[in-house]
Protein backbone atom coordinates (compact mmCIF):
# COMPACT_ATOMS: atom_id res chain seq x y z
CA MET A 1 78.97 121.82 40.58
CA ASN A 2 75.62 122.43 41.20
CA LYS A 3 74.78 122.87 45.27
CA VAL A 4 74.30 119.57 46.14
CA GLU A 5 77.45 118.03 44.90
CA LYS A 6 79.56 120.82 46.58
CA MET A 7 77.41 120.16 49.73
CA ILE A 8 79.22 116.36 49.13
CA GLN A 9 82.71 117.15 48.37
CA GLU A 10 82.41 119.49 51.70
CA ILE A 11 81.51 116.35 53.41
CA ILE A 12 83.47 114.06 52.76
CA LYS A 13 86.05 116.46 52.66
CA LEU A 14 85.13 116.74 56.52
CA ARG A 15 85.07 113.16 57.32
CA ASN A 16 88.78 113.03 56.27
CA GLU A 17 89.82 115.11 57.98
CA ARG A 18 87.58 113.65 61.33
CA THR A 19 89.99 110.55 60.69
CA THR A 20 93.13 112.51 60.49
CA ILE A 21 92.06 114.14 64.16
CA ASP A 22 90.74 110.64 65.26
CA ALA A 23 94.66 108.99 64.89
CA ARG A 24 96.34 111.68 65.82
CA LEU A 25 93.82 111.93 68.93
CA SER A 26 94.59 107.70 69.30
CA VAL A 27 98.15 107.80 68.76
CA LEU A 28 97.55 110.29 72.05
CA GLU A 29 95.97 108.29 74.43
CA GLU A 30 98.09 105.63 73.26
CA THR A 31 101.10 107.00 74.54
CA LEU A 32 99.35 109.10 77.43
CA VAL A 33 98.29 105.51 78.73
CA ARG A 34 101.53 103.71 77.95
CA THR A 35 103.53 106.84 80.20
CA LYS A 36 100.99 106.47 83.22
CA ILE A 37 101.27 102.75 82.94
CA GLU A 38 105.31 103.23 82.83
CA GLY A 39 105.07 106.05 85.83
CA GLU A 40 106.50 109.03 84.17
CA SER A 41 106.22 111.57 81.56
CA LEU A 42 107.84 111.71 78.24
CA TRP A 43 110.78 115.06 78.47
CA SER A 44 110.44 117.78 75.93
CA ARG A 45 113.33 119.39 74.57
CA LYS A 46 113.71 121.45 77.48
CA GLU A 47 114.07 119.22 79.71
CA ALA A 48 115.94 116.88 78.10
CA ALA A 49 118.13 119.99 77.51
CA ASP A 50 118.28 120.81 81.42
CA PHE A 51 119.40 117.54 82.60
CA LEU A 52 121.81 117.46 79.88
CA ARG A 53 122.99 120.95 81.17
CA VAL A 54 123.51 121.77 77.48
CA THR A 55 120.91 123.93 74.71
CA VAL A 56 117.91 123.37 73.68
CA LYS A 57 119.67 123.07 69.81
CA HIS A 58 122.66 120.78 71.20
CA VAL A 59 119.62 118.44 72.24
CA ASP A 60 118.57 119.30 68.46
CA ASN A 61 121.79 118.22 67.06
CA MET A 62 121.62 115.27 68.59
CA ARG A 63 118.36 113.79 67.95
CA LEU A 64 118.89 114.40 64.65
CA SER A 65 122.28 112.86 64.06
CA GLY A 66 120.30 109.50 65.59
CA LYS A 67 122.53 110.02 69.35
CA LEU A 68 119.19 110.57 71.13
CA LYS A 69 116.25 109.15 70.24
CA CYS A 70 112.99 110.93 70.36
CA LYS A 71 109.09 109.85 70.21
CA ASN A 72 106.74 112.64 67.86
CA ILE A 73 103.61 112.68 69.36
CA SER A 74 101.65 114.81 67.04
CA GLY A 75 104.56 117.26 66.21
CA CYS A 76 105.57 117.29 69.82
CA ILE A 77 109.26 116.51 70.18
CA ARG A 78 109.98 113.88 73.62
CA PHE A 79 111.83 111.99 74.99
CA ASP A 80 112.41 109.20 77.42
CA PRO A 81 113.63 109.80 80.71
CA GLU A 82 116.09 106.75 80.34
CA GLU A 83 117.39 107.26 77.14
CA VAL A 84 118.29 111.15 78.47
CA ARG A 85 119.62 109.92 81.59
CA LYS A 86 121.56 107.01 80.01
CA LEU A 87 123.16 110.02 77.90
CA GLY A 88 124.36 111.89 80.56
CA ALA A 89 125.76 109.23 82.49
């Protein structure tokens, strides 16, 4: 592979990475807008655990078992406060 072909391959690789990053940004921006419209931030694992008075590990177990729905935003687990409140009631 000559120098020009290597450069072309690098450009293609960088464009693909940029597309992935742009897609992640779109999801984050959309979630942020929805959260602002709804008026309340999504909760982290710790915030959900604090509200429920359980450990973060317990929140993870509830999430994995399907008892507590979550949103995965670019690798960050977030919870709808209303869903957490329903579970805690």
